[in-house]
Amino acid sequence: MTNNPHSYAETFIAEDAVKIAARARGLELGAIDASHGTGAYLRHLAHLLNAQSVVEIGTGSGVGSLWILEGMINSGTLTSIDDEMEHTSIAKLAMADAEISQSRYRFITNSVMDVMTKLTDRAYDLVVFRHNPEDLSFAISEAHRILRSGGVFVIDNFFGGSKVQDPAQRDPKTIALREAGKLIKADTESWVTSLIPTGDGLLLATKL
């Protein structure tokens, strides 16, 4: 038993058997998934936004998708994009296990950046980014385009395995995360920004 507040917060809302099984499949494939605490937070955020249309960039095993769908309105649709067919396949399995209607989600396996450019302007309530950080500079501008006013852009795993806050870390992915944070934080005419230490860090940006 740990006395760590972060660990306590991460497991405060337990995962059900479907999410546990999905997470295990993701681990086998090396998929990047939302942590327990991140999933619970995203469900809460989708509920607060009364979210009808959500984009998830980086499907992983479908754990994040399951959490988000729980928070969305019953008629809402989640669009989840991944460039790995194996991820899409196991995420579909998770949806079937959870008995979620196919009308509530669409999984697209393709280049994330190509798909984002085809999404409709100002049509989405929430965009969650859990993908290669080197795509972030593009994803930020596209997220701003497709979000409605008051919609939220979330960068999951923003701490990059605790590297972002360490100036000595200069690998491309860490630099990309750091630069994305600076870009969003500085653009006060476009975004209201907050950073919370859930999971491996969640950068939240609400579109003005």
C-alpha atoms as a PDB file:
ATOM      1  CA  MET A   1       0.000   0.000   0.000  1.00  0.00           C
ATOM      2  CA  THR A   2       1.399   3.395  -0.994  1.00  0.00           C
ATOM      3  CA  ASN A   3       0.980   6.648   0.872  1.00  0.00           C
ATOM      4  CA  ASN A   4       1.619   8.653  -2.315  1.00  0.00           C
ATOM      5  CA  PRO A   5      -1.202  11.177  -3.032  1.00  0.00           C
ATOM      6  CA  HIS A   6      -0.637  10.877  -6.799  1.00  0.00           C
ATOM      7  CA  SER A   7      -1.046   7.083  -6.703  1.00  0.00           C
ATOM      8  CA  TYR A   8      -4.132   7.460  -4.514  1.00  0.00           C
ATOM      9  CA  ALA A   9      -5.663   9.923  -6.997  1.00  0.00           C
ATOM     10  CA  GLU A  10      -4.800   7.695  -9.971  1.00  0.00           C
ATOM     11  CA  THR A  11      -6.738   4.740  -8.565  1.00  0.00           C
ATOM     12  CA  PHE A  12      -9.506   6.721  -6.818  1.00  0.00           C
ATOM     13  CA  ILE A  13     -11.986   5.695  -9.544  1.00  0.00           C
ATOM     14  CA  ALA A  14     -11.566   1.973 -10.238  1.00  0.00           C
ATOM     15  CA  GLU A  15     -11.548   0.506 -13.719  1.00  0.00           C
ATOM     16  CA  ASP A  16     -14.096  -2.138 -14.654  1.00  0.00           C
ATOM     17  CA  ALA A  17     -13.233  -5.568 -16.071  1.00  0.00           C
ATOM     18  CA  VAL A  18     -13.622  -4.409 -19.685  1.00  0.00           C
ATOM     19  CA  LYS A  19     -11.084  -1.598 -19.263  1.00  0.00           C
ATOM     20  CA  ILE A  20      -8.688  -3.861 -17.350  1.00  0.00           C
ATOM     21  CA  ALA A  21      -8.803  -6.433 -20.182  1.00  0.00           C
ATOM     22  CA  ALA A  22      -8.364  -3.714 -22.836  1.00  0.00           C
ATOM     23  CA  ARG A  23      -5.399  -2.234 -20.973  1.00  0.00           C
ATOM     24  CA  ALA A  24      -3.764  -5.677 -20.795  1.00  0.00           C
ATOM     25  CA  ARG A  25      -4.132  -6.143 -24.559  1.00  0.00           C
ATOM     26  CA  GLY A  26      -2.621  -2.701 -25.076  1.00  0.00           C
ATOM     27  CA  LEU A  27       0.376  -3.544 -22.907  1.00  0.00           C
ATOM     28  CA  GLU A  28       1.084  -6.604 -25.050  1.00  0.00           C
ATOM     29  CA  LEU A  29       1.234  -4.409 -28.161  1.00  0.00           C
ATOM     30  CA  GLY A  30       3.067  -1.511 -26.530  1.00  0.00           C
ATOM     31  CA  ALA A  31       0.089   0.827 -27.033  1.00  0.00           C
ATOM     32  CA  ILE A  32       0.053   4.176 -25.225  1.00  0.00           C
ATOM     33  CA  ASP A  33      -3.118   4.402 -23.156  1.00  0.00           C
ATOM     34  CA  ALA A  34      -4.725   6.875 -20.788  1.00  0.00           C
ATOM     35  CA  SER A  35      -3.821   6.183 -17.165  1.00  0.00           C
ATOM     36  CA  HIS A  36      -6.604   5.308 -14.693  1.00  0.00           C
ATOM     37  CA  GLY A  37      -6.691   8.867 -13.372  1.00  0.00           C
ATOM     38  CA  THR A  38      -6.531  10.409 -16.836  1.00  0.00           C
ATOM     39  CA  GLY A  39      -9.396   8.232 -18.026  1.00  0.00           C
ATOM     40  CA  ALA A  40     -11.548   9.225 -15.072  1.00  0.00           C
ATOM     41  CA  TYR A  41     -10.689  12.895 -15.636  1.00  0.00           C
ATOM     42  CA  LEU A  42     -11.550  12.706 -19.350  1.00  0.00           C
ATOM     43  CA  ARG A  43     -14.899  11.095 -18.513  1.00  0.00           C
ATOM     44  CA  HIS A  44     -15.576  13.943 -16.077  1.00  0.00           C
ATOM     45  CA  LEU A  45     -14.512  16.562 -18.637  1.00  0.00           C
ATOM     46  CA  ALA A  46     -16.716  15.051 -21.369  1.00  0.00           C
ATOM     47  CA  HIS A  47     -19.618  15.144 -18.923  1.00  0.00           C
ATOM     48  CA  LEU A  48     -18.958  18.795 -17.997  1.00  0.00           C
ATOM     49  CA  LEU A  49     -18.821  19.743 -21.684  1.00  0.00           C
ATOM     50  CA  ASN A  50     -22.028  17.796 -22.410  1.00  0.00           C
ATOM     51  CA  ALA A  51     -19.858  16.434 -25.211  1.00  0.00           C
ATOM     52  CA  GLN A  52     -21.575  15.249 -28.360  1.00  0.00           C
ATOM     53  CA  SER A  53     -18.600  15.091 -30.745  1.00  0.00           C
ATOM     54  CA  VAL A  54     -15.104  14.150 -29.569  1.00  0.00           C
ATOM     55  CA  VAL A  55     -11.863  13.433 -31.430  1.00  0.00           C
ATOM     56  CA  GLU A  56      -9.213  11.190 -29.892  1.00  0.00           C
ATOM     57  CA  ILE A  57      -5.806  11.197 -31.571  1.00  0.00           C
ATOM     58  CA  GLY A  58      -4.124   7.934 -30.644  1.00  0.00           C
ATOM     59  CA  THR A  59      -6.597   5.122 -30.018  1.00  0.00           C
ATOM     60  CA  GLY A  60      -4.256   2.748 -28.217  1.00  0.00           C
ATOM     61  CA  SER A  61      -6.188  -0.212 -26.810  1.00  0.00           C
ATOM     62  CA  GLY A  62      -9.427   1.749 -26.531  1.00  0.00           C
ATOM     63  CA  VAL A  63      -9.165   2.368 -22.778  1.00  0.00           C
ATOM     64  CA  GLY A  64      -9.307   6.146 -23.257  1.00  0.00           C
ATOM     65  CA  SER A  65     -12.176   5.735 -25.723  1.00  0.00           C
ATOM     66  CA  LEU A  66     -14.203   3.762 -23.175  1.00  0.00           C
ATOM     67  CA  TRP A  67     -13.707   6.404 -20.482  1.00  0.00           C
ATOM     68  CA  ILE A  68     -14.585   9.291 -22.823  1.00  0.00           C
ATOM     69  CA  LEU A  69     -17.710   7.585 -24.152  1.00  0.00           C
ATOM     70  CA  GLU A  70     -18.969   7.114 -20.589  1.00  0.00           C
ATOM     71  CA  GLY A  71     -18.880  10.889 -20.112  1.00  0.00           C
ATOM     72  CA  MET A  72     -20.437  11.868 -23.446  1.00  0.00           C
ATOM     73  CA  ILE A  73     -24.156  12.300 -24.039  1.00  0.00           C
ATOM     74  CA  ASN A  74     -25.903   9.091 -25.140  1.00  0.00           C
ATOM     75  CA  SER A  75     -26.312  10.274 -28.726  1.00  0.00           C
ATOM     76  CA  GLY A  76     -22.694  11.449 -28.952  1.00  0.00           C
ATOM     77  CA  THR A  77     -20.070  10.107 -31.353  1.00  0.00           C
ATOM     78  CA  LEU A  78     -16.360   9.554 -30.702  1.00  0.00           C
ATOM     79  CA  THR A  79     -13.927   9.705 -33.631  1.00  0.00           C
ATOM     80  CA  SER A  80     -10.674   7.964 -32.723  1.00  0.00           C
ATOM     81  CA  ILE A  81      -7.670   8.033 -35.063  1.00  0.00           C
ATOM     82  CA  ASP A  82      -4.605   5.792 -34.991  1.00  0.00           C
ATOM     83  CA  ASP A  83      -2.000   4.845 -37.563  1.00  0.00           C
ATOM     84  CA  GLU A  84      -1.627   1.263 -36.248  1.00  0.00           C
ATOM     85  CA  MET A  85      -4.184  -1.286 -37.490  1.00  0.00           C
ATOM     86  CA  GLU A  86      -3.433  -3.548 -34.504  1.00  0.00           C
ATOM     87  CA  HIS A  87      -4.514  -0.767 -32.131  1.00  0.00           C
ATOM     88  CA  THR A  88      -7.769  -0.236 -34.002  1.00  0.00           C
ATOM     89  CA  SER A  89      -8.476  -3.972 -33.920  1.00  0.00           C
ATOM     90  CA  ILE A  90      -8.067  -4.349 -30.154  1.00  0.00           C
ATOM     91  CA  ALA A  91      -9.988  -1.118 -29.527  1.00  0.00           C
ATOM     92  CA  LYS A  92     -12.927  -2.507 -31.517  1.00  0.00           C
ATOM     93  CA  LEU A  93     -12.739  -5.612 -29.334  1.00  0.00           C
ATOM     94  CA  ALA A  94     -12.986  -3.387 -26.245  1.00  0.00           C
ATOM     95  CA  MET A  95     -16.080  -1.670 -27.677  1.00  0.00           C
ATOM     96  CA  ALA A  96     -17.693  -5.063 -28.348  1.00  0.00           C
ATOM     97  CA  ASP A  97     -16.854  -6.232 -24.796  1.00  0.00           C
ATOM     98  CA  ALA A  98     -18.469  -3.073 -23.415  1.00  0.00           C
ATOM     99  CA  GLU A  99     -21.505  -3.591 -25.688  1.00  0.00           C
ATOM    100  CA  ILE A 100     -21.195  -0.078 -27.105  1.00  0.00           C
ATOM    101  CA  SER A 101     -23.273   0.531 -30.207  1.00  0.00           C
ATOM    102  CA  GLN A 102     -21.265   0.974 -33.413  1.00  0.00           C
ATOM    103  CA  SER A 103     -23.191   4.188 -34.064  1.00  0.00           C
ATOM    104  CA  ARG A 104     -21.381   5.784 -31.107  1.00  0.00           C
ATOM    105  CA  TYR A 105     -17.845   5.544 -32.424  1.00  0.00           C
ATOM    106  CA  ARG A 106     -15.770   5.504 -35.573  1.00  0.00           C
ATOM    107  CA  PHE A 107     -12.208   4.245 -35.578  1.00  0.00           C
ATOM    108  CA  ILE A 108     -10.031   5.496 -38.419  1.00  0.00           C
ATOM    109  CA  THR A 109      -6.702   3.854 -39.205  1.00  0.00           C
ATOM    110  CA  ASN A 110      -4.652   6.292 -41.228  1.00  0.00           C
ATOM    111  CA  SER A 111      -2.094   9.055 -40.932  1.00  0.00           C
ATOM    112  CA  VAL A 112      -3.320  11.183 -38.039  1.00  0.00           C
ATOM    113  CA  MET A 113      -2.405  14.422 -39.730  1.00  0.00           C
ATOM    114  CA  ASP A 114      -4.160  13.500 -42.987  1.00  0.00           C
ATOM    115  CA  VAL A 115      -7.367  12.650 -41.132  1.00  0.00           C
ATOM    116  CA  MET A 116      -7.342  15.801 -38.992  1.00  0.00           C
ATOM    117  CA  THR A 117      -7.276  18.056 -42.044  1.00  0.00           C
ATOM    118  CA  LYS A 118     -10.537  16.457 -43.232  1.00  0.00           C
ATOM    119  CA  LEU A 119     -12.480  17.078 -39.999  1.00  0.00           C
ATOM    120  CA  THR A 120     -15.157  19.788 -39.989  1.00  0.00           C
ATOM    121  CA  ASP A 121     -14.516  23.312 -38.661  1.00  0.00           C
ATOM    122  CA  ARG A 122     -15.945  24.151 -35.209  1.00  0.00           C
ATOM    123  CA  ALA A 123     -17.716  20.776 -34.948  1.00  0.00           C
ATOM    124  CA  TYR A 124     -16.130  19.206 -31.856  1.00  0.00           C
ATOM    125  CA  ASP A 125     -16.417  19.670 -28.107  1.00  0.00           C
ATOM    126  CA  LEU A 126     -13.222  17.898 -27.077  1.00  0.00           C
ATOM    127  CA  VAL A 127      -9.975  16.862 -28.770  1.00  0.00           C
ATOM    128  CA  VAL A 128      -7.650  14.497 -26.888  1.00  0.00           C
ATOM    129  CA  PHE A 129      -4.082  14.087 -28.200  1.00  0.00           C
ATOM    130  CA  ARG A 130      -2.207  10.917 -27.215  1.00  0.00           C
ATOM    131  CA  HIS A 131       0.182  10.393 -30.100  1.00  0.00           C
ATOM    132  CA  ASN A 132       3.659  11.229 -31.370  1.00  0.00           C
ATOM    133  CA  PRO A 133       4.529  14.627 -29.806  1.00  0.00           C
ATOM    134  CA  GLU A 134       6.405  15.602 -32.958  1.00  0.00           C
ATOM    135  CA  ASP A 135       2.991  16.039 -34.610  1.00  0.00           C
ATOM    136  CA  LEU A 136       1.858  18.552 -31.987  1.00  0.00           C
ATOM    137  CA  SER A 137       2.632  21.832 -33.732  1.00  0.00           C
ATOM    138  CA  PHE A 138       0.317  20.740 -36.549  1.00  0.00           C
ATOM    139  CA  ALA A 139      -2.268  19.204 -34.206  1.00  0.00           C
ATOM    140  CA  ILE A 140      -2.602  22.407 -32.141  1.00  0.00           C
ATOM    141  CA  SER A 141      -3.646  24.544 -35.108  1.00  0.00           C
ATOM    142  CA  GLU A 142      -5.970  21.817 -36.420  1.00  0.00           C
ATOM    143  CA  ALA A 143      -7.524  21.344 -32.968  1.00  0.00           C
ATOM    144  CA  HIS A 144      -8.228  25.063 -32.773  1.00  0.00           C
ATOM    145  CA  ARG A 145      -9.898  24.912 -36.182  1.00  0.00           C
ATOM    146  CA  ILE A 146     -12.160  21.940 -35.425  1.00  0.00           C
ATOM    147  CA  LEU A 147     -13.126  22.847 -31.838  1.00  0.00           C
ATOM    148  CA  ARG A 148     -16.197  24.930 -31.103  1.00  0.00           C
ATOM    149  CA  SER A 149     -15.741  27.985 -28.857  1.00  0.00           C
ATOM    150  CA  GLY A 150     -15.454  26.665 -25.314  1.00  0.00           C
ATOM    151  CA  GLY A 151     -14.216  23.294 -26.568  1.00  0.00           C
ATOM    152  CA  VAL A 152     -11.152  21.774 -24.932  1.00  0.00           C
ATOM    153  CA  PHE A 153      -7.882  20.469 -26.356  1.00  0.00           C
ATOM    154  CA  VAL A 154      -6.087  17.974 -24.098  1.00  0.00           C
ATOM    155  CA  ILE A 155      -2.489  16.818 -24.492  1.00  0.00           C
ATOM    156  CA  ASP A 156      -2.132  13.542 -22.581  1.00  0.00           C
ATOM    157  CA  ASN A 157       1.275  12.422 -21.233  1.00  0.00           C
ATOM    158  CA  PHE A 158       2.499  16.011 -21.410  1.00  0.00           C
ATOM    159  CA  PHE A 159       5.342  15.394 -18.929  1.00  0.00           C
ATOM    160  CA  GLY A 160       6.883  12.943 -21.419  1.00  0.00           C
ATOM    161  CA  GLY A 161       7.971  10.503 -18.732  1.00  0.00           C
ATOM    162  CA  SER A 162       9.097  13.367 -16.451  1.00  0.00           C
ATOM    163  CA  LYS A 163      11.463  14.723 -19.111  1.00  0.00           C
ATOM    164  CA  VAL A 164       9.688  17.953 -20.115  1.00  0.00           C
ATOM    165  CA  GLN A 165      10.454  19.787 -16.875  1.00  0.00           C
ATOM    166  CA  ASP A 166      14.159  18.858 -17.110  1.00  0.00           C
ATOM    167  CA  PRO A 167      15.945  21.368 -19.408  1.00  0.00           C
ATOM    168  CA  ALA A 168      18.808  18.890 -19.905  1.00  0.00           C
ATOM    169  CA  GLN A 169      16.486  16.542 -21.815  1.00  0.00           C
ATOM    170  CA  ARG A 170      16.812  17.459 -25.489  1.00  0.00           C
ATOM    171  CA  ASP A 171      15.449  14.516 -27.482  1.00  0.00           C
ATOM    172  CA  PRO A 172      13.007  15.450 -30.299  1.00  0.00           C
ATOM    173  CA  LYS A 173       9.827  14.247 -28.548  1.00  0.00           C
ATOM    174  CA  THR A 174      10.621  16.078 -25.314  1.00  0.00           C
ATOM    175  CA  ILE A 175      11.478  19.264 -27.207  1.00  0.00           C
ATOM    176  CA  ALA A 176       8.208  18.954 -29.171  1.00  0.00           C
ATOM    177  CA  LEU A 177       6.177  18.681 -25.959  1.00  0.00           C
ATOM    178  CA  ARG A 178       8.018  21.584 -24.355  1.00  0.00           C
ATOM    179  CA  GLU A 179       7.527  23.781 -27.414  1.00  0.00           C
ATOM    180  CA  ALA A 180       3.849  22.850 -27.648  1.00  0.00           C
ATOM    181  CA  GLY A 181       3.360  23.914 -24.047  1.00  0.00           C
ATOM    182  CA  LYS A 182       5.075  27.248 -24.669  1.00  0.00           C
ATOM    183  CA  LEU A 183       3.067  27.831 -27.849  1.00  0.00           C
ATOM    184  CA  ILE A 184      -0.328  27.205 -26.235  1.00  0.00           C
ATOM    185  CA  LYS A 185       0.511  29.062 -23.024  1.00  0.00           C
ATOM    186  CA  ALA A 186       1.681  32.126 -24.949  1.00  0.00           C
ATOM    187  CA  ASP A 187      -1.356  32.243 -27.263  1.00  0.00           C
ATOM    188  CA  THR A 188      -3.692  33.877 -24.751  1.00  0.00           C
ATOM    189  CA  GLU A 189      -5.965  35.183 -27.509  1.00  0.00           C
ATOM    190  CA  SER A 190      -6.787  31.623 -28.613  1.00  0.00           C
ATOM    191  CA  TRP A 191      -6.588  29.486 -25.462  1.00  0.00           C
ATOM    192  CA  VAL A 192      -7.112  29.474 -21.702  1.00  0.00           C
ATOM    193  CA  THR A 193      -4.542  26.973 -20.455  1.00  0.00           C
ATOM    194  CA  SER A 194      -3.935  24.821 -17.402  1.00  0.00           C
ATOM    195  CA  LEU A 195      -1.538  21.983 -16.571  1.00  0.00           C
ATOM    196  CA  ILE A 196      -2.500  19.288 -14.077  1.00  0.00           C
ATOM    197  CA  PRO A 197      -0.369  16.407 -12.767  1.00  0.00           C
ATOM    198  CA  THR A 198      -2.850  13.628 -13.578  1.00  0.00           C
ATOM    199  CA  GLY A 199      -1.288  10.535 -15.143  1.00  0.00           C
ATOM    200  CA  ASP A 200       1.902  11.670 -16.876  1.00  0.00           C
ATOM    201  CA  GLY A 201       0.573  15.216 -17.087  1.00  0.00           C
ATOM    202  CA  LEU A 202      -2.462  16.727 -18.809  1.00  0.00           C
ATOM    203  CA  LEU A 203      -2.184  20.042 -20.599  1.00  0.00           C
ATOM    204  CA  LEU A 204      -5.661  21.531 -20.974  1.00  0.00           C
ATOM    205  CA  ALA A 205      -6.478  24.349 -23.379  1.00  0.00           C
ATOM    206  CA  THR A 206      -9.980  25.784 -23.753  1.00  0.00           C
ATOM    207  CA  LYS A 207     -10.669  27.536 -27.057  1.00  0.00           C
ATOM    208  CA  LEU A 208     -11.688  31.168 -26.693  1.00  0.00           C
END
